[in-house]
Amino acid sequence: MATKYHNLSAYNAEELPSADILKRQRYAIAVADWNSDITYALLDGAYDTLVKHGVEEKNIKVVHVPGTFELTYASNKLQLTGEYSAIIAIGCVIQGDTPHFDYICQGVSYGISQINASFMDNAGIISPRKGPVIFSVLTTLNKQQALERAGGSLGNKGVEGAITAIKMANLKI
């Protein structure tokens, strides 16, 4: 949980798989272009973290979508390819004066949850999908809160998304 006393970018690298394992894996990042000053900083954090831990740049696909709501569609399409060990969905919704904030936040969180819980492929065959979708969407009350989570005083949520993606892609059950 993020608080004003917890840096989102803090993690123990020793808990991650080796670079030998990660260099064979593929990751996708779907990033919203809306609020790009925030989302591109998150994208940089996620991308750089994947590379830092051994994922080869050629094995990282970045897909741009217009806004956060469209992350569900892009993430679903990416997951259905079966090519990615994990998909990171990056967006930023800042509360305004209308209920639009509530609808977008609810829609994207529900949509990504549904993708992760779904068991149907492109042909309509029930089977586990490959690669979890990681929710790296900022839902903040103001722009300052978003900046604090996009490389500011609370770290970079994109870094957290990449670490979560690595851990979930290599989850042992």
Protein backbone atom coordinates (compact mmCIF):
# COMPACT_ATOMS: atom_id res chain seq x y z
CA MET A 1 0.00 0.00 0.00
CA ALA A 2 1.28 3.45 -0.86
CA THR A 3 1.44 6.02 1.87
CA LYS A 4 3.32 9.26 2.15
CA TYR A 5 5.93 7.37 4.18
CA HIS A 6 6.40 4.44 1.78
CA ASN A 7 8.48 4.70 -1.38
CA LEU A 8 6.80 2.61 -4.07
CA SER A 9 10.11 1.86 -5.78
CA ALA A 10 11.66 0.00 -2.82
CA TYR A 11 12.10 -3.74 -3.42
CA ASN A 12 14.55 -6.54 -2.76
CA ALA A 13 16.25 -7.50 -6.05
CA GLU A 14 17.40 -10.78 -4.49
CA GLU A 15 13.77 -11.95 -4.53
CA LEU A 16 13.67 -11.77 -8.33
CA PRO A 17 14.55 -14.55 -10.78
CA SER A 18 18.03 -14.51 -12.32
CA ALA A 19 18.85 -12.51 -15.44
CA ASP A 20 19.33 -15.84 -17.26
CA ILE A 21 15.66 -16.62 -16.75
CA LEU A 22 14.45 -13.09 -17.54
CA LYS A 23 16.40 -12.77 -20.78
CA ARG A 24 14.21 -15.54 -22.25
CA GLN A 25 10.94 -13.90 -21.24
CA ARG A 26 8.84 -11.37 -23.16
CA TYR A 27 6.91 -8.52 -21.58
CA ALA A 28 4.41 -6.01 -22.96
CA ILE A 29 3.59 -2.56 -21.66
CA ALA A 30 0.32 -0.87 -22.62
CA VAL A 31 0.57 2.84 -21.83
CA ALA A 32 -2.09 5.55 -21.98
CA ASP A 33 -1.11 8.73 -23.82
CA TRP A 34 -3.55 10.84 -21.75
CA ASN A 35 -1.61 12.58 -18.94
CA SER A 36 1.56 11.67 -20.84
CA ASP A 37 3.82 13.71 -18.57
CA ILE A 38 2.89 11.18 -15.88
CA THR A 39 2.38 7.99 -17.89
CA TYR A 40 5.60 8.31 -19.88
CA ALA A 41 7.58 8.67 -16.63
CA LEU A 42 5.88 5.48 -15.43
CA LEU A 43 6.68 3.81 -18.77
CA ASP A 44 10.35 4.78 -18.42
CA GLY A 45 10.41 3.36 -14.89
CA ALA A 46 8.86 0.05 -15.97
CA TYR A 47 10.95 -0.33 -19.11
CA ASP A 48 14.24 0.52 -17.41
CA THR A 49 13.49 -1.83 -14.51
CA LEU A 50 12.76 -4.76 -16.83
CA VAL A 51 16.04 -4.15 -18.69
CA LYS A 52 17.98 -3.63 -15.45
CA HIS A 53 16.98 -7.08 -14.25
CA GLY A 54 17.80 -8.92 -17.47
CA VAL A 55 14.88 -8.65 -19.87
CA GLU A 56 16.27 -7.98 -23.34
CA GLU A 57 15.01 -4.78 -24.98
CA LYS A 58 13.96 -6.73 -28.06
CA ASN A 59 11.63 -8.73 -25.77
CA ILE A 60 9.70 -5.69 -24.54
CA LYS A 61 6.76 -4.48 -26.62
CA VAL A 62 5.28 -1.05 -25.89
CA VAL A 63 1.76 -0.28 -27.12
CA HIS A 64 0.28 3.21 -26.86
CA VAL A 65 -3.45 3.78 -26.37
CA PRO A 66 -5.32 7.11 -26.22
CA GLY A 67 -6.44 6.92 -22.59
CA THR A 68 -6.60 4.79 -19.48
CA PHE A 69 -10.00 3.29 -20.35
CA GLU A 70 -8.49 1.77 -23.51
CA LEU A 71 -5.89 -0.17 -21.49
CA THR A 72 -8.39 -2.99 -20.97
CA TYR A 73 -8.81 -3.58 -24.69
CA ALA A 74 -5.08 -3.41 -25.43
CA SER A 75 -4.19 -5.64 -22.47
CA ASN A 76 -6.77 -8.21 -23.54
CA LYS A 77 -5.42 -8.29 -27.10
CA LEU A 78 -1.84 -8.60 -25.87
CA GLN A 79 -2.71 -11.39 -23.46
CA LEU A 80 -4.61 -13.34 -26.10
CA THR A 81 -1.48 -13.56 -28.26
CA GLY A 82 0.07 -15.84 -25.64
CA GLU A 83 3.46 -14.24 -26.37
CA TYR A 84 4.06 -12.38 -23.11
CA SER A 85 5.09 -13.53 -19.67
CA ALA A 86 3.22 -10.50 -18.28
CA ILE A 87 1.58 -7.30 -19.49
CA ILE A 88 1.89 -4.02 -17.57
CA ALA A 89 -1.04 -1.60 -17.99
CA ILE A 90 0.08 1.98 -17.29
CA GLY A 91 -2.30 4.90 -16.97
CA CYS A 92 -3.18 7.93 -14.88
CA VAL A 93 -6.60 9.26 -13.96
CA ILE A 94 -6.74 12.52 -12.00
CA GLN A 95 -9.99 13.45 -10.30
CA GLY A 96 -11.82 16.39 -11.79
CA ASP A 97 -15.12 18.11 -11.12
CA THR A 98 -17.35 15.45 -12.70
CA PRO A 99 -18.01 11.75 -11.99
CA HIS A 100 -15.99 10.84 -15.10
CA PHE A 101 -13.09 9.92 -12.78
CA ASP A 102 -15.23 7.32 -11.00
CA TYR A 103 -16.43 5.71 -14.23
CA ILE A 104 -12.96 5.46 -15.76
CA CYS A 105 -11.32 4.12 -12.58
CA GLN A 106 -14.08 1.58 -12.00
CA GLY A 107 -14.14 0.50 -15.65
CA VAL A 108 -10.41 -0.06 -16.03
CA SER A 109 -9.97 -1.79 -12.69
CA TYR A 110 -12.91 -4.09 -13.34
CA GLY A 111 -11.78 -4.71 -16.93
CA ILE A 112 -8.26 -5.71 -15.96
CA SER A 113 -9.59 -7.89 -13.14
CA GLN A 114 -11.85 -9.64 -15.66
CA ILE A 115 -8.97 -10.23 -18.06
CA ASN A 116 -6.90 -11.81 -15.30
CA ALA A 117 -9.81 -14.04 -14.26
CA SER A 118 -10.79 -15.05 -17.80
CA PHE A 119 -10.16 -18.49 -19.22
CA MET A 120 -11.19 -18.18 -22.87
CA ASP A 121 -8.87 -17.83 -25.85
CA ASN A 122 -9.47 -16.28 -29.30
CA ALA A 123 -11.21 -19.42 -30.56
CA GLY A 124 -13.60 -19.49 -27.61
CA ILE A 125 -11.85 -22.47 -26.07
CA ILE A 126 -11.69 -22.49 -22.30
CA SER A 127 -8.07 -22.60 -21.21
CA PRO A 128 -5.79 -20.58 -18.92
CA ARG A 129 -4.45 -17.47 -20.61
CA LYS A 130 -0.76 -16.77 -20.56
CA GLY A 131 0.66 -13.76 -18.75
CA PRO A 132 -1.03 -11.77 -16.01
CA VAL A 133 -1.99 -8.15 -16.57
CA ILE A 134 -0.45 -5.86 -13.95
CA PHE A 135 -2.48 -2.83 -12.84
CA SER A 136 -0.12 0.17 -12.87
CA VAL A 137 -2.78 2.84 -13.07
CA LEU A 138 -2.55 5.90 -10.86
CA THR A 139 -5.91 7.11 -9.56
CA THR A 140 -5.14 10.34 -7.77
CA LEU A 141 -7.04 13.28 -6.39
CA ASN A 142 -4.72 15.84 -8.00
CA LYS A 143 -1.74 16.19 -10.29
CA GLN A 144 0.72 16.62 -7.41
CA GLN A 145 -0.17 13.17 -6.08
CA ALA A 146 0.43 11.72 -9.55
CA LEU A 147 3.82 13.44 -9.86
CA GLU A 148 4.86 12.09 -6.45
CA ARG A 149 4.17 8.56 -7.75
CA ALA A 150 5.79 9.04 -11.16
CA GLY A 151 9.36 9.51 -10.01
CA GLY A 152 8.76 11.96 -7.20
CA SER A 153 8.93 11.59 -3.44
CA LEU A 154 6.97 8.30 -3.47
CA GLY A 155 9.06 6.62 -6.14
CA ASN A 156 7.80 5.42 -9.50
CA LYS A 157 4.74 3.19 -9.80
CA GLY A 158 6.11 1.99 -13.16
CA VAL A 159 9.06 0.44 -11.32
CA GLU A 160 6.61 -1.27 -8.98
CA GLY A 161 4.61 -2.52 -11.97
CA ALA A 162 7.71 -4.05 -13.57
CA ILE A 163 8.75 -5.78 -10.35
CA THR A 164 5.22 -7.09 -9.90
CA ALA A 165 5.18 -8.30 -13.52
CA ILE A 166 8.47 -10.19 -13.04
CA LYS A 167 7.27 -11.77 -9.82
CA MET A 168 3.87 -12.77 -11.21
CA ALA A 169 5.34 -14.10 -14.48
CA ASN A 170 7.56 -16.38 -12.39
CA LEU A 171 5.01 -17.27 -9.71
CA LYS A 172 5.51 -20.79 -8.42
CA ILE A 173 2.43 -22.50 -7.04
